[in-house]
Amino acid sequence: MTTKRPVNLEISTIHFPIPAIASILHRISGIVAFVGIAFLLYGLDQSLAGEAGFASVAALMAHPLSKLVVWGTLSALAYHLVAGIRHLIMDMGVGETLEGGRLSTKITFVVSAVLIVLLGVWIW
């Protein structure tokens, strides 16, 4: 069977639907959260080791770059949590239609954005 279908392999011209974007971001946020949690756990371990460790972690956390890393990690966790809840709800059969998937994706983005802004306010 020979078909002469056009093949578009140029990534910049491909337009993904919004649920696909949410799914890709869910995977990326899982990776970022996994790596970021390792650094957060190391900081927790150092802060619990003694007064000197706590003082060094407190001094490190006063730096804006450290706050940005923590905010990025917590933002990834927040998005991953909200998107994971969306997937669990869809696994129960709610919102499996095309319009339901689009609506739940938009709700996921809005709730995640609110949580991310609140985390930023809390950190800074």
PDB file of N, CA and C in Angstrom:
ATOM      1  N   MET A   1       0.845  -1.163   0.000  1.00  0.00           N
ATOM      2  CA  MET A   1       0.000   0.000   0.000  1.00  0.00           C
ATOM      3  C   MET A   1       0.898   1.236   0.000  1.00  0.00           C
ATOM      4  N   THR A   2       0.756   2.041  -1.004  1.00  0.00           N
ATOM      5  CA  THR A   2       1.535   3.273  -1.074  1.00  0.00           C
ATOM      6  C   THR A   2       0.586   4.451  -0.957  1.00  0.00           C
ATOM      7  N   THR A   3       0.834   5.269   0.003  1.00  0.00           N
ATOM      8  CA  THR A   3       0.017   6.467   0.183  1.00  0.00           C
ATOM      9  C   THR A   3       0.903   7.675   0.030  1.00  0.00           C
ATOM     10  N   LYS A   4       0.372   8.699  -0.502  1.00  0.00           N
ATOM     11  CA  LYS A   4       1.113   9.946  -0.707  1.00  0.00           C
ATOM     12  C   LYS A   4       0.644  10.995   0.294  1.00  0.00           C
ATOM     13  N   ARG A   5       0.488  10.581   1.545  1.00  0.00           N
ATOM     14  CA  ARG A   5       0.055  11.523   2.577  1.00  0.00           C
ATOM     15  C   ARG A   5       1.185  12.467   2.911  1.00  0.00           C
ATOM     16  N   PRO A   6       0.856  13.721   3.149  1.00  0.00           N
ATOM     17  CA  PRO A   6       1.927  14.649   3.534  1.00  0.00           C
ATOM     18  C   PRO A   6       2.405  14.353   4.954  1.00  0.00           C
ATOM     19  N   VAL A   7       3.683  14.502   5.167  1.00  0.00           N
ATOM     20  CA  VAL A   7       4.282  14.269   6.470  1.00  0.00           C
ATOM     21  C   VAL A   7       4.876  15.590   6.947  1.00  0.00           C
ATOM     22  N   ASN A   8       4.402  16.039   8.093  1.00  0.00           N
ATOM     23  CA  ASN A   8       4.882  17.292   8.666  1.00  0.00           C
ATOM     24  C   ASN A   8       5.707  16.965   9.900  1.00  0.00           C
ATOM     25  N   LEU A   9       6.997  17.114   9.778  1.00  0.00           N
ATOM     26  CA  LEU A   9       7.878  16.813  10.907  1.00  0.00           C
ATOM     27  C   LEU A   9       8.483  18.069  11.508  1.00  0.00           C
ATOM     28  N   GLU A  10       8.014  19.238  11.110  1.00  0.00           N
ATOM     29  CA  GLU A  10       8.533  20.482  11.659  1.00  0.00           C
ATOM     30  C   GLU A  10       7.758  20.825  12.928  1.00  0.00           C
ATOM     31  N   ILE A  11       8.442  20.715  14.071  1.00  0.00           N
ATOM     32  CA  ILE A  11       7.800  20.875  15.382  1.00  0.00           C
ATOM     33  C   ILE A  11       7.164  22.248  15.542  1.00  0.00           C
ATOM     34  N   SER A  12       7.777  23.268  14.983  1.00  0.00           N
ATOM     35  CA  SER A  12       7.261  24.629  15.185  1.00  0.00           C
ATOM     36  C   SER A  12       5.917  24.867  14.507  1.00  0.00           C
ATOM     37  N   THR A  13       5.540  24.025  13.559  1.00  0.00           N
ATOM     38  CA  THR A  13       4.263  24.224  12.869  1.00  0.00           C
ATOM     39  C   THR A  13       3.157  23.318  13.398  1.00  0.00           C
ATOM     40  N   ILE A  14       3.488  22.401  14.296  1.00  0.00           N
ATOM     41  CA  ILE A  14       2.486  21.491  14.847  1.00  0.00           C
ATOM     42  C   ILE A  14       1.738  22.197  15.971  1.00  0.00           C
ATOM     43  N   HIS A  15       0.431  22.171  15.938  1.00  0.00           N
ATOM     44  CA  HIS A  15      -0.389  22.790  16.975  1.00  0.00           C
ATOM     45  C   HIS A  15      -1.078  21.691  17.785  1.00  0.00           C
ATOM     46  N   PHE A  16      -0.637  21.564  19.025  1.00  0.00           N
ATOM     47  CA  PHE A  16      -1.198  20.540  19.903  1.00  0.00           C
ATOM     48  C   PHE A  16      -2.507  21.027  20.508  1.00  0.00           C
ATOM     49  N   PRO A  17      -3.478  20.127  20.713  1.00  0.00           N
ATOM     50  CA  PRO A  17      -4.682  20.514  21.453  1.00  0.00           C
ATOM     51  C   PRO A  17      -4.343  20.747  22.920  1.00  0.00           C
ATOM     52  N   ILE A  18      -5.167  21.503  23.611  1.00  0.00           N
ATOM     53  CA  ILE A  18      -4.882  21.892  24.995  1.00  0.00           C
ATOM     54  C   ILE A  18      -4.752  20.696  25.941  1.00  0.00           C
ATOM     55  N   PRO A  19      -5.536  19.605  25.785  1.00  0.00           N
ATOM     56  CA  PRO A  19      -5.297  18.452  26.670  1.00  0.00           C
ATOM     57  C   PRO A  19      -3.928  17.805  26.446  1.00  0.00           C
ATOM     58  N   ALA A  20      -3.417  17.851  25.222  1.00  0.00           N
ATOM     59  CA  ALA A  20      -2.088  17.292  24.957  1.00  0.00           C
ATOM     60  C   ALA A  20      -1.019  18.133  25.637  1.00  0.00           C
ATOM     61  N   ILE A  21      -1.182  19.440  25.610  1.00  0.00           N
ATOM     62  CA  ILE A  21      -0.236  20.325  26.291  1.00  0.00           C
ATOM     63  C   ILE A  21      -0.246  20.045  27.791  1.00  0.00           C
ATOM     64  N   ALA A  22      -1.445  19.868  28.347  1.00  0.00           N
ATOM     65  CA  ALA A  22      -1.555  19.569  29.781  1.00  0.00           C
ATOM     66  C   ALA A  22      -0.879  18.240  30.111  1.00  0.00           C
ATOM     67  N   SER A  23      -1.013  17.263  29.245  1.00  0.00           N
ATOM     68  CA  SER A  23      -0.393  15.963  29.487  1.00  0.00           C
ATOM     69  C   SER A  23       1.125  16.055  29.426  1.00  0.00           C
ATOM     70  N   ILE A  24       1.645  16.806  28.459  1.00  0.00           N
ATOM     71  CA  ILE A  24       3.093  16.972  28.355  1.00  0.00           C
ATOM     72  C   ILE A  24       3.622  17.721  29.575  1.00  0.00           C
ATOM     73  N   LEU A  25       2.929  18.774  29.996  1.00  0.00           N
ATOM     74  CA  LEU A  25       3.350  19.526  31.179  1.00  0.00           C
ATOM     75  C   LEU A  25       3.274  18.674  32.444  1.00  0.00           C
ATOM     76  N   HIS A  26       2.313  17.754  32.491  1.00  0.00           N
ATOM     77  CA  HIS A  26       2.193  16.856  33.649  1.00  0.00           C
ATOM     78  C   HIS A  26       3.433  15.969  33.751  1.00  0.00           C
ATOM     79  N   ARG A  27       3.891  15.481  32.622  1.00  0.00           N
ATOM     80  CA  ARG A  27       5.087  14.639  32.629  1.00  0.00           C
ATOM     81  C   ARG A  27       6.330  15.444  32.998  1.00  0.00           C
ATOM     82  N   ILE A  28       6.456  16.651  32.426  1.00  0.00           N
ATOM     83  CA  ILE A  28       7.607  17.500  32.723  1.00  0.00           C
ATOM     84  C   ILE A  28       7.610  17.902  34.193  1.00  0.00           C
ATOM     85  N   SER A  29       6.426  18.251  34.725  1.00  0.00           N
ATOM     86  CA  SER A  29       6.357  18.653  36.133  1.00  0.00           C
ATOM     87  C   SER A  29       6.710  17.489  37.055  1.00  0.00           C
ATOM     88  N   GLY A  30       6.401  16.272  36.652  1.00  0.00           N
ATOM     89  CA  GLY A  30       6.790  15.105  37.452  1.00  0.00           C
ATOM     90  C   GLY A  30       8.294  14.950  37.523  1.00  0.00           C
ATOM     91  N   ILE A  31       8.979  15.183  36.409  1.00  0.00           N
ATOM     92  CA  ILE A  31      10.437  15.085  36.390  1.00  0.00           C
ATOM     93  C   ILE A  31      11.055  16.191  37.235  1.00  0.00           C
ATOM     94  N   VAL A  32      10.560  17.425  37.058  1.00  0.00           N
ATOM     95  CA  VAL A  32      11.088  18.556  37.824  1.00  0.00           C
ATOM     96  C   VAL A  32      10.854  18.340  39.314  1.00  0.00           C
ATOM     97  N   ALA A  33       9.675  17.869  39.678  1.00  0.00           N
ATOM     98  CA  ALA A  33       9.369  17.629  41.094  1.00  0.00           C
ATOM     99  C   ALA A  33      10.263  16.529  41.662  1.00  0.00           C
ATOM    100  N   PHE A  34      10.494  15.486  40.897  1.00  0.00           N
ATOM    101  CA  PHE A  34      11.332  14.379  41.355  1.00  0.00           C
ATOM    102  C   PHE A  34      12.753  14.856  41.649  1.00  0.00           C
ATOM    103  N   VAL A  35      13.316  15.616  40.733  1.00  0.00           N
ATOM    104  CA  VAL A  35      14.678  16.118  40.917  1.00  0.00           C
ATOM    105  C   VAL A  35      14.715  17.165  42.030  1.00  0.00           C
ATOM    106  N   GLY A  36      13.725  18.061  42.057  1.00  0.00           N
ATOM    107  CA  GLY A  36      13.695  19.127  43.054  1.00  0.00           C
ATOM    108  C   GLY A  36      13.510  18.624  44.465  1.00  0.00           C
ATOM    109  N   ILE A  37      12.741  17.571  44.622  1.00  0.00           N
ATOM    110  CA  ILE A  37      12.518  17.017  45.957  1.00  0.00           C
ATOM    111  C   ILE A  37      13.827  16.482  46.542  1.00  0.00           C
ATOM    112  N   ALA A  38      14.709  15.973  45.694  1.00  0.00           N
ATOM    113  CA  ALA A  38      16.007  15.499  46.193  1.00  0.00           C
ATOM    114  C   ALA A  38      16.774  16.641  46.855  1.00  0.00           C
ATOM    115  N   PHE A  39      16.766  17.819  46.222  1.00  0.00           N
ATOM    116  CA  PHE A  39      17.452  18.969  46.818  1.00  0.00           C
ATOM    117  C   PHE A  39      16.752  19.438  48.088  1.00  0.00           C
ATOM    118  N   LEU A  40      15.432  19.434  48.086  1.00  0.00           N
ATOM    119  CA  LEU A  40      14.700  19.857  49.277  1.00  0.00           C
ATOM    120  C   LEU A  40      14.940  18.894  50.445  1.00  0.00           C
ATOM    121  N   LEU A  41      14.988  17.603  50.156  1.00  0.00           N
ATOM    122  CA  LEU A  41      15.255  16.631  51.213  1.00  0.00           C
ATOM    123  C   LEU A  41      16.679  16.757  51.745  1.00  0.00           C
ATOM    124  N   TYR A  42      17.631  17.084  50.865  1.00  0.00           N
ATOM    125  CA  TYR A  42      19.003  17.304  51.326  1.00  0.00           C
ATOM    126  C   TYR A  42      19.056  18.515  52.261  1.00  0.00           C
ATOM    127  N   GLY A  43      18.363  19.581  51.883  1.00  0.00           N
ATOM    128  CA  GLY A  43      18.302  20.759  52.751  1.00  0.00           C
ATOM    129  C   GLY A  43      17.637  20.453  54.072  1.00  0.00           C
ATOM    130  N   LEU A  44      16.590  19.647  54.060  1.00  0.00           N
ATOM    131  CA  LEU A  44      15.923  19.249  55.299  1.00  0.00           C
ATOM    132  C   LEU A  44      16.864  18.434  56.177  1.00  0.00           C
ATOM    133  N   ASP A  45      17.594  17.515  55.564  1.00  0.00           N
ATOM    134  CA  ASP A  45      18.545  16.700  56.318  1.00  0.00           C
ATOM    135  C   ASP A  45      19.619  17.566  56.965  1.00  0.00           C
ATOM    136  N   GLN A  46      20.141  18.525  56.216  1.00  0.00           N
ATOM    137  CA  GLN A  46      21.171  19.409  56.752  1.00  0.00           C
ATOM    138  C   GLN A  46      20.624  20.284  57.879  1.00  0.00           C
ATOM    139  N   SER A  47      19.394  20.761  57.719  1.00  0.00           N
ATOM    140  CA  SER A  47      18.823  21.638  58.745  1.00  0.00           C
ATOM    141  C   SER A  47      18.509  20.886  60.033  1.00  0.00           C
ATOM    142  N   LEU A  48      18.254  19.605  59.930  1.00  0.00           N
ATOM    143  CA  LEU A  48      17.962  18.803  61.121  1.00  0.00           C
ATOM    144  C   LEU A  48      19.214  18.217  61.759  1.00  0.00           C
ATOM    145  N   ALA A  49      20.371  18.373  61.117  1.00  0.00           N
ATOM    146  CA  ALA A  49      21.611  17.796  61.632  1.00  0.00           C
ATOM    147  C   ALA A  49      22.133  18.539  62.857  1.00  0.00           C
ATOM    148  N   GLY A  50      21.786  19.788  62.986  1.00  0.00           N
ATOM    149  CA  GLY A  50      22.270  20.560  64.134  1.00  0.00           C
ATOM    150  C   GLY A  50      22.099  22.045  63.879  1.00  0.00           C
ATOM    151  N   GLU A  51      22.528  22.820  64.862  1.00  0.00           N
ATOM    152  CA  GLU A  51      22.362  24.270  64.768  1.00  0.00           C
ATOM    153  C   GLU A  51      23.165  24.856  63.614  1.00  0.00           C
ATOM    154  N   ALA A  52      24.361  24.357  63.410  1.00  0.00           N
ATOM    155  CA  ALA A  52      25.202  24.878  62.324  1.00  0.00           C
ATOM    156  C   ALA A  52      24.575  24.567  60.966  1.00  0.00           C
ATOM    157  N   GLY A  53      24.052  23.361  60.821  1.00  0.00           N
ATOM    158  CA  GLY A  53      23.388  22.987  59.572  1.00  0.00           C
ATOM    159  C   GLY A  53      22.148  23.822  59.319  1.00  0.00           C
ATOM    160  N   PHE A  54      21.389  24.062  60.381  1.00  0.00           N
ATOM    161  CA  PHE A  54      20.189  24.885  60.249  1.00  0.00           C
ATOM    162  C   PHE A  54      20.562  26.305  59.837  1.00  0.00           C
ATOM    163  N   ALA A  55      21.608  26.842  60.444  1.00  0.00           N
ATOM    164  CA  ALA A  55      22.047  28.202  60.122  1.00  0.00           C
ATOM    165  C   ALA A  55      22.525  28.291  58.672  1.00  0.00           C
ATOM    166  N   SER A  56      23.223  27.262  58.196  1.00  0.00           N
ATOM    167  CA  SER A  56      23.704  27.299  56.810  1.00  0.00           C
ATOM    168  C   SER A  56      22.552  27.194  55.824  1.00  0.00           C
ATOM    169  N   VAL A  57      21.567  26.352  56.123  1.00  0.00           N
ATOM    170  CA  VAL A  57      20.402  26.235  55.245  1.00  0.00           C
ATOM    171  C   VAL A  57      19.579  27.521  55.283  1.00  0.00           C
ATOM    172  N   ALA A  58      19.440  28.115  56.468  1.00  0.00           N
ATOM    173  CA  ALA A  58      18.703  29.385  56.572  1.00  0.00           C
ATOM    174  C   ALA A  58      19.396  30.485  55.784  1.00  0.00           C
ATOM    175  N   ALA A  59      20.721  30.520  55.828  1.00  0.00           N
ATOM    176  CA  ALA A  59      21.470  31.524  55.063  1.00  0.00           C
ATOM    177  C   ALA A  59      21.332  31.269  53.563  1.00  0.00           C
ATOM    178  N   LEU A  60      21.357  30.010  53.179  1.00  0.00           N
ATOM    179  CA  LEU A  60      21.189  29.664  51.769  1.00  0.00           C
ATOM    180  C   LEU A  60      19.798  30.042  51.271  1.00  0.00           C
ATOM    181  N   MET A  61      18.794  29.806  52.103  1.00  0.00           N
ATOM    182  CA  MET A  61      17.404  30.102  51.696  1.00  0.00           C
ATOM    183  C   MET A  61      17.118  31.591  51.649  1.00  0.00           C
ATOM    184  N   ALA A  62      17.993  32.417  52.187  1.00  0.00           N
ATOM    185  CA  ALA A  62      17.805  33.864  52.108  1.00  0.00           C
ATOM    186  C   ALA A  62      18.177  34.397  50.728  1.00  0.00           C
ATOM    187  N   HIS A  63      18.906  33.622  49.947  1.00  0.00           N
ATOM    188  CA  HIS A  63      19.329  34.043  48.611  1.00  0.00           C
ATOM    189  C   HIS A  63      18.155  33.923  47.630  1.00  0.00           C
ATOM    190  N   PRO A  64      17.952  34.918  46.770  1.00  0.00           N
ATOM    191  CA  PRO A  64      16.818  34.881  45.823  1.00  0.00           C
ATOM    192  C   PRO A  64      16.864  33.689  44.858  1.00  0.00           C
ATOM    193  N   LEU A  65      18.048  33.234  44.464  1.00  0.00           N
ATOM    194  CA  LEU A  65      18.133  32.095  43.558  1.00  0.00           C
ATOM    195  C   LEU A  65      17.638  30.818  44.238  1.00  0.00           C
ATOM    196  N   SER A  66      17.942  30.671  45.515  1.00  0.00           N
ATOM    197  CA  SER A  66      17.448  29.510  46.261  1.00  0.00           C
ATOM    198  C   SER A  66      15.930  29.546  46.371  1.00  0.00           C
ATOM    199  N   LYS A  67      15.401  30.739  46.608  1.00  0.00           N
ATOM    200  CA  LYS A  67      13.944  30.876  46.676  1.00  0.00           C
ATOM    201  C   LYS A  67      13.303  30.540  45.339  1.00  0.00           C
ATOM    202  N   LEU A  68      13.970  30.917  44.257  1.00  0.00           N
ATOM    203  CA  LEU A  68      13.445  30.610  42.922  1.00  0.00           C
ATOM    204  C   LEU A  68      13.434  29.103  42.672  1.00  0.00           C
ATOM    205  N   VAL A  69      14.485  28.414  43.101  1.00  0.00           N
ATOM    206  CA  VAL A  69      14.551  26.959  42.934  1.00  0.00           C
ATOM    207  C   VAL A  69      13.454  26.285  43.754  1.00  0.00           C
ATOM    208  N   VAL A  70      13.270  26.724  44.991  1.00  0.00           N
ATOM    209  CA  VAL A  70      12.225  26.153  45.838  1.00  0.00           C
ATOM    210  C   VAL A  70      10.856  26.445  45.249  1.00  0.00           C
ATOM    211  N   TRP A  71      10.655  27.667  44.764  1.00  0.00           N
ATOM    212  CA  TRP A  71       9.373  28.034  44.151  1.00  0.00           C
ATOM    213  C   TRP A  71       9.115  27.196  42.899  1.00  0.00           C
ATOM    214  N   GLY A  72      10.155  26.965  42.097  1.00  0.00           N
ATOM    215  CA  GLY A  72       9.998  26.137  40.905  1.00  0.00           C
ATOM    216  C   GLY A  72       9.642  24.699  41.253  1.00  0.00           C
ATOM    217  N   THR A  73      10.293  24.178  42.275  1.00  0.00           N
ATOM    218  CA  THR A  73       9.992  22.806  42.696  1.00  0.00           C
ATOM    219  C   THR A  73       8.573  22.691  43.236  1.00  0.00           C
ATOM    220  N   LEU A  74       8.184  23.631  44.089  1.00  0.00           N
ATOM    221  CA  LEU A  74       6.832  23.594  44.642  1.00  0.00           C
ATOM    222  C   LEU A  74       5.779  23.865  43.578  1.00  0.00           C
ATOM    223  N   SER A  75       6.111  24.686  42.590  1.00  0.00           N
ATOM    224  CA  SER A  75       5.190  24.933  41.485  1.00  0.00           C
ATOM    225  C   SER A  75       4.981  23.668  40.663  1.00  0.00           C
ATOM    226  N   ALA A  76       6.074  22.952  40.410  1.00  0.00           N
ATOM    227  CA  ALA A  76       5.957  21.682  39.686  1.00  0.00           C
ATOM    228  C   ALA A  76       5.128  20.686  40.481  1.00  0.00           C
ATOM    229  N   LEU A  77       5.340  20.649  41.790  1.00  0.00           N
ATOM    230  CA  LEU A  77       4.534  19.749  42.629  1.00  0.00           C
ATOM    231  C   LEU A  77       3.056  20.136  42.607  1.00  0.00           C
ATOM    232  N   ALA A  78       2.785  21.434  42.667  1.00  0.00           N
ATOM    233  CA  ALA A  78       1.394  21.889  42.674  1.00  0.00           C
ATOM    234  C   ALA A  78       0.704  21.526  41.359  1.00  0.00           C
ATOM    235  N   TYR A  79       1.367  21.812  40.232  1.00  0.00           N
ATOM    236  CA  TYR A  79       0.760  21.477  38.941  1.00  0.00           C
ATOM    237  C   TYR A  79       0.593  19.971  38.804  1.00  0.00           C
ATOM    238  N   HIS A  80       1.616  19.223  39.202  1.00  0.00           N
ATOM    239  CA  HIS A  80       1.541  17.764  39.087  1.00  0.00           C
ATOM    240  C   HIS A  80       0.403  17.201  39.938  1.00  0.00           C
ATOM    241  N   LEU A  81       0.206  17.773  41.115  1.00  0.00           N
ATOM    242  CA  LEU A  81      -0.887  17.336  41.981  1.00  0.00           C
ATOM    243  C   LEU A  81      -2.248  17.620  41.347  1.00  0.00           C
ATOM    244  N   VAL A  82      -2.433  18.830  40.852  1.00  0.00           N
ATOM    245  CA  VAL A  82      -3.722  19.204  40.268  1.00  0.00           C
ATOM    246  C   VAL A  82      -3.994  18.387  39.008  1.00  0.00           C
ATOM    247  N   ALA A  83      -2.984  18.225  38.162  1.00  0.00           N
ATOM    248  CA  ALA A  83      -3.169  17.434  36.943  1.00  0.00           C
ATOM    249  C   ALA A  83      -3.393  15.957  37.277  1.00  0.00           C
ATOM    250  N   GLY A  84      -2.741  15.481  38.323  1.00  0.00           N
ATOM    251  CA  GLY A  84      -2.972  14.097  38.747  1.00  0.00           C
ATOM    252  C   GLY A  84      -4.379  13.881  39.250  1.00  0.00           C
ATOM    253  N   ILE A  85      -4.916  14.845  39.983  1.00  0.00           N
ATOM    254  CA  ILE A  85      -6.311  14.750  40.429  1.00  0.00           C
ATOM    255  C   ILE A  85      -7.249  14.753  39.226  1.00  0.00           C
ATOM    256  N   ARG A  86      -6.916  15.585  38.230  1.00  0.00           N
ATOM    257  CA  ARG A  86      -7.717  15.607  36.993  1.00  0.00           C
ATOM    258  C   ARG A  86      -7.724  14.229  36.336  1.00  0.00           C
ATOM    259  N   HIS A  87      -6.551  13.580  36.265  1.00  0.00           N
ATOM    260  CA  HIS A  87      -6.476  12.251  35.664  1.00  0.00           C
ATOM    261  C   HIS A  87      -7.255  11.226  36.478  1.00  0.00           C
ATOM    262  N   LEU A  88      -7.203  11.324  37.799  1.00  0.00           N
ATOM    263  CA  LEU A  88      -7.966  10.386  38.634  1.00  0.00           C
ATOM    264  C   LEU A  88      -9.467  10.557  38.429  1.00  0.00           C
ATOM    265  N   ILE A  89      -9.913  11.809  38.314  1.00  0.00           N
ATOM    266  CA  ILE A  89     -11.338  12.062  38.072  1.00  0.00           C
ATOM    267  C   ILE A  89     -11.737  11.518  36.705  1.00  0.00           C
ATOM    268  N   MET A  90     -10.869  11.700  35.715  1.00  0.00           N
ATOM    269  CA  MET A  90     -11.179  11.160  34.386  1.00  0.00           C
ATOM    270  C   MET A  90     -11.173   9.632  34.391  1.00  0.00           C
ATOM    271  N   ASP A  91     -10.348   9.020  35.233  1.00  0.00           N
ATOM    272  CA  ASP A  91     -10.336   7.563  35.354  1.00  0.00           C
ATOM    273  C   ASP A  91     -11.650   7.040  35.921  1.00  0.00           C
ATOM    274  N   MET A  92     -12.364   7.888  36.675  1.00  0.00           N
ATOM    275  CA  MET A  92     -13.666   7.494  37.213  1.00  0.00           C
ATOM    276  C   MET A  92     -14.780   7.687  36.192  1.00  0.00           C
ATOM    277  N   GLY A  93     -14.434   8.190  34.998  1.00  0.00           N
ATOM    278  CA  GLY A  93     -15.420   8.326  33.933  1.00  0.00           C
ATOM    279  C   GLY A  93     -16.016   9.715  33.792  1.00  0.00           C
ATOM    280  N   VAL A  94     -15.510  10.671  34.535  1.00  0.00           N
ATOM    281  CA  VAL A  94     -16.044  12.034  34.469  1.00  0.00           C
ATOM    282  C   VAL A  94     -15.169  12.848  33.524  1.00  0.00           C
ATOM    283  N   GLY A  95     -15.777  13.507  32.565  1.00  0.00           N
ATOM    284  CA  GLY A  95     -15.041  14.391  31.666  1.00  0.00           C
ATOM    285  C   GLY A  95     -14.235  13.678  30.611  1.00  0.00           C
ATOM    286  N   GLU A  96     -14.726  12.541  30.136  1.00  0.00           N
ATOM    287  CA  GLU A  96     -13.986  11.797  29.121  1.00  0.00           C
ATOM    288  C   GLU A  96     -14.299  12.251  27.705  1.00  0.00           C
ATOM    289  N   THR A  97     -15.287  13.106  27.549  1.00  0.00           N
ATOM    290  CA  THR A  97     -15.611  13.612  26.220  1.00  0.00           C
ATOM    291  C   THR A  97     -14.583  14.650  25.802  1.00  0.00           C
ATOM    292  N   LEU A  98     -14.618  15.022  24.532  1.00  0.00           N
ATOM    293  CA  LEU A  98     -13.665  16.014  24.034  1.00  0.00           C
ATOM    294  C   LEU A  98     -13.866  17.356  24.730  1.00  0.00           C
ATOM    295  N   GLU A  99     -15.114  17.777  24.860  1.00  0.00           N
ATOM    296  CA  GLU A  99     -15.388  19.053  25.524  1.00  0.00           C
ATOM    297  C   GLU A  99     -15.084  18.973  27.024  1.00  0.00           C
ATOM    298  N   GLY A 100     -15.365  17.837  27.644  1.00  0.00           N
ATOM    299  CA  GLY A 100     -15.043  17.654  29.057  1.00  0.00           C
ATOM    300  C   GLY A 100     -13.542  17.684  29.307  1.00  0.00           C
ATOM    301  N   GLY A 101     -12.779  17.096  28.396  1.00  0.00           N
ATOM    302  CA  GLY A 101     -11.324  17.120  28.521  1.00  0.00           C
ATOM    303  C   GLY A 101     -10.769  18.530  28.396  1.00  0.00           C
ATOM    304  N   ARG A 102     -11.326  19.287  27.466  1.00  0.00           N
ATOM    305  CA  ARG A 102     -10.875  20.679  27.304  1.00  0.00           C
ATOM    306  C   ARG A 102     -11.221  21.511  28.530  1.00  0.00           C
ATOM    307  N   LEU A 103     -12.432  21.332  29.053  1.00  0.00           N
ATOM    308  CA  LEU A 103     -12.861  22.099  30.223  1.00  0.00           C
ATOM    309  C   LEU A 103     -12.017  21.737  31.442  1.00  0.00           C
ATOM    310  N   SER A 104     -11.785  20.444  31.653  1.00  0.00           N
ATOM    311  CA  SER A 104     -10.993  20.042  32.816  1.00  0.00           C
ATOM    312  C   SER A 104      -9.547  20.525  32.694  1.00  0.00           C
ATOM    313  N   THR A 105      -9.035  20.610  31.479  1.00  0.00           N
ATOM    314  CA  THR A 105      -7.682  21.137  31.285  1.00  0.00           C
ATOM    315  C   THR A 105      -7.629  22.615  31.645  1.00  0.00           C
ATOM    316  N   LYS A 106      -8.618  23.377  31.212  1.00  0.00           N
ATOM    317  CA  LYS A 106      -8.656  24.804  31.540  1.00  0.00           C
ATOM    318  C   LYS A 106      -8.784  25.009  33.047  1.00  0.00           C
ATOM    319  N   ILE A 107      -9.599  24.200  33.695  1.00  0.00           N
ATOM    320  CA  ILE A 107      -9.744  24.285  35.156  1.00  0.00           C
ATOM    321  C   ILE A 107      -8.415  23.942  35.830  1.00  0.00           C
ATOM    322  N   THR A 108      -7.722  22.923  35.306  1.00  0.00           N
ATOM    323  CA  THR A 108      -6.420  22.539  35.849  1.00  0.00           C
ATOM    324  C   THR A 108      -5.428  23.688  35.753  1.00  0.00           C
ATOM    325  N   PHE A 109      -5.401  24.355  34.609  1.00  0.00           N
ATOM    326  CA  PHE A 109      -4.477  25.484  34.429  1.00  0.00           C
ATOM    327  C   PHE A 109      -4.804  26.630  35.376  1.00  0.00           C
ATOM    328  N   VAL A 110      -6.078  26.930  35.555  1.00  0.00           N
ATOM    329  CA  VAL A 110      -6.468  28.055  36.418  1.00  0.00           C
ATOM    330  C   VAL A 110      -6.146  27.736  37.883  1.00  0.00           C
ATOM    331  N   VAL A 111      -6.527  26.557  38.338  1.00  0.00           N
ATOM    332  CA  VAL A 111      -6.267  26.176  39.729  1.00  0.00           C
ATOM    333  C   VAL A 111      -4.757  26.123  39.993  1.00  0.00           C
ATOM    334  N   SER A 112      -4.003  25.581  39.045  1.00  0.00           N
ATOM    335  CA  SER A 112      -2.549  25.516  39.203  1.00  0.00           C
ATOM    336  C   SER A 112      -1.943  26.911  39.244  1.00  0.00           C
ATOM    337  N   ALA A 113      -2.409  27.799  38.384  1.00  0.00           N
ATOM    338  CA  ALA A 113      -1.877  29.170  38.370  1.00  0.00           C
ATOM    339  C   ALA A 113      -2.133  29.869  39.702  1.00  0.00           C
ATOM    340  N   VAL A 114      -3.325  29.685  40.252  1.00  0.00           N
ATOM    341  CA  VAL A 114      -3.640  30.292  41.549  1.00  0.00           C
ATOM    342  C   VAL A 114      -2.733  29.725  42.635  1.00  0.00           C
ATOM    343  N   LEU A 115      -2.558  28.418  42.642  1.00  0.00           N
ATOM    344  CA  LEU A 115      -1.675  27.792  43.644  1.00  0.00           C
ATOM    345  C   LEU A 115      -0.230  28.257  43.484  1.00  0.00           C
ATOM    346  N   ILE A 116       0.229  28.385  42.250  1.00  0.00           N
ATOM    347  CA  ILE A 116       1.611  28.808  42.007  1.00  0.00           C
ATOM    348  C   ILE A 116       1.828  30.243  42.470  1.00  0.00           C
ATOM    349  N   VAL A 117       0.856  31.110  42.208  1.00  0.00           N
ATOM    350  CA  VAL A 117       0.969  32.494  42.680  1.00  0.00           C
ATOM    351  C   VAL A 117       0.966  32.534  44.204  1.00  0.00           C
ATOM    352  N   LEU A 118       0.080  31.767  44.838  1.00  0.00           N
ATOM    353  CA  LEU A 118       0.048  31.725  46.301  1.00  0.00           C
ATOM    354  C   LEU A 118       1.358  31.195  46.881  1.00  0.00           C
ATOM    355  N   LEU A 119       1.947  30.195  46.229  1.00  0.00           N
ATOM    356  CA  LEU A 119       3.245  29.688  46.685  1.00  0.00           C
ATOM    357  C   LEU A 119       4.329  30.757  46.563  1.00  0.00           C
ATOM    358  N   GLY A 120       4.292  31.529  45.473  1.00  0.00           N
ATOM    359  CA  GLY A 120       5.250  32.608  45.306  1.00  0.00           C
ATOM    360  C   GLY A 120       5.125  33.665  46.379  1.00  0.00           C
ATOM    361  N   VAL A 121       3.882  34.006  46.722  1.00  0.00           N
ATOM    362  CA  VAL A 121       3.651  34.982  47.791  1.00  0.00           C
ATOM    363  C   VAL A 121       4.144  34.430  49.126  1.00  0.00           C
ATOM    364  N   TRP A 122       3.913  33.157  49.366  1.00  0.00           N
ATOM    365  CA  TRP A 122       4.320  32.530  50.619  1.00  0.00           C
ATOM    366  C   TRP A 122       5.847  32.481  50.745  1.00  0.00           C
ATOM    367  N   ILE A 123       6.538  32.179  49.645  1.00  0.00           N
ATOM    368  CA  ILE A 123       7.994  32.050  49.686  1.00  0.00           C
ATOM    369  C   ILE A 123       8.657  33.409  49.811  1.00  0.00           C
ATOM    370  N   TRP A 124       8.151  34.393  49.067  1.00  0.00           N
ATOM    371  CA  TRP A 124       8.772  35.707  49.131  1.00  0.00           C
ATOM    372  C   TRP A 124       8.011  36.571  50.109  1.00  0.00           C
TER     373      TRP A 124
END
